[in-house]
Amino acid sequence: MRGRVRVVGAGAVVASMVLGLSGCANDAPKSTSTMTPEQVRGHADKTFEKLKLEEQGRSADPAMPR
């Protein structure tokens, strides 16, 4: 009886380890976001335009401390 309990217990431990490892192995690797040069240029242009508008707003209000 004790031998059978040990075998079942050991089998449960091994099964949980195999399931745990296979669960981790099935995670798809996350790919890094790749941006094209056109996308980078577009984002930079938008940001630069926002910066220019902010600078124009600051020059219109001289009371604003820098």
Protein backbone atom coordinates (compact mmCIF):
# COMPACT_ATOMS: atom_id res chain seq x y z
CA MET A 1 0.00 0.00 0.00
CA ARG A 2 2.77 2.44 0.90
CA GLY A 3 4.63 1.64 -2.29
CA ARG A 4 1.58 2.46 -4.36
CA VAL A 5 1.10 5.79 -2.54
CA ARG A 6 4.73 6.69 -3.23
CA VAL A 7 4.38 5.86 -6.91
CA VAL A 8 1.17 7.88 -7.23
CA GLY A 9 2.72 10.77 -5.28
CA ALA A 10 5.88 10.72 -7.37
CA GLY A 11 3.80 10.52 -10.54
CA ALA A 12 1.79 13.56 -9.46
CA VAL A 13 4.97 15.54 -8.77
CA VAL A 14 6.49 14.61 -12.12
CA ALA A 15 3.22 15.37 -13.95
CA SER A 16 2.96 18.81 -12.32
CA MET A 17 6.58 19.58 -13.22
CA VAL A 18 6.07 18.53 -16.84
CA LEU A 19 2.87 20.56 -17.12
CA GLY A 20 4.54 23.56 -15.51
CA LEU A 21 7.52 23.44 -17.84
CA SER A 22 5.43 22.90 -20.94
CA GLY A 23 3.18 25.79 -19.96
CA CYS A 24 6.17 28.11 -19.82
CA ALA A 25 7.57 26.75 -23.08
CA ASN A 26 4.36 27.53 -24.94
CA ASP A 27 4.56 31.27 -24.27
CA ALA A 28 5.19 32.98 -27.57
CA PRO A 29 8.18 35.30 -27.45
CA LYS A 30 7.22 38.94 -27.58
CA SER A 31 8.51 40.61 -30.68
CA THR A 32 10.04 44.02 -30.42
CA SER A 33 8.23 46.84 -32.08
CA THR A 34 9.98 47.70 -35.32
CA MET A 35 9.32 51.10 -36.78
CA THR A 36 10.08 52.06 -40.32
CA PRO A 37 12.16 55.17 -40.99
CA GLU A 38 9.02 56.82 -42.38
CA GLN A 39 7.17 56.23 -39.11
CA VAL A 40 10.06 57.63 -37.09
CA ARG A 41 10.24 60.68 -39.35
CA GLY A 42 6.48 61.21 -39.08
CA HIS A 43 6.53 61.04 -35.29
CA ALA A 44 9.51 63.40 -35.15
CA ASP A 45 7.78 65.87 -37.48
CA LYS A 46 4.61 65.86 -35.34
CA THR A 47 6.60 66.36 -32.17
CA PHE A 48 8.62 69.17 -33.72
CA GLU A 49 5.43 70.92 -34.84
CA LYS A 50 4.03 70.68 -31.30
CA LEU A 51 7.27 72.10 -29.95
CA LYS A 52 7.15 75.02 -32.39
CA LEU A 53 3.56 75.80 -31.39
CA GLU A 54 4.53 75.70 -27.72
CA GLU A 55 7.46 78.03 -28.34
CA GLN A 56 5.19 80.46 -30.24
CA GLY A 57 2.75 80.39 -27.32
CA ARG A 58 5.53 81.22 -24.87
CA SER A 59 6.82 84.14 -26.94
CA ALA A 60 3.28 85.59 -27.08
CA ASP A 61 3.07 85.62 -23.25
CA PRO A 62 6.20 87.38 -21.91
CA ALA A 63 4.88 87.31 -18.30
CA MET A 64 5.35 83.54 -18.22
CA PRO A 65 8.61 82.71 -16.38
CA ARG A 66 11.06 80.45 -18.15
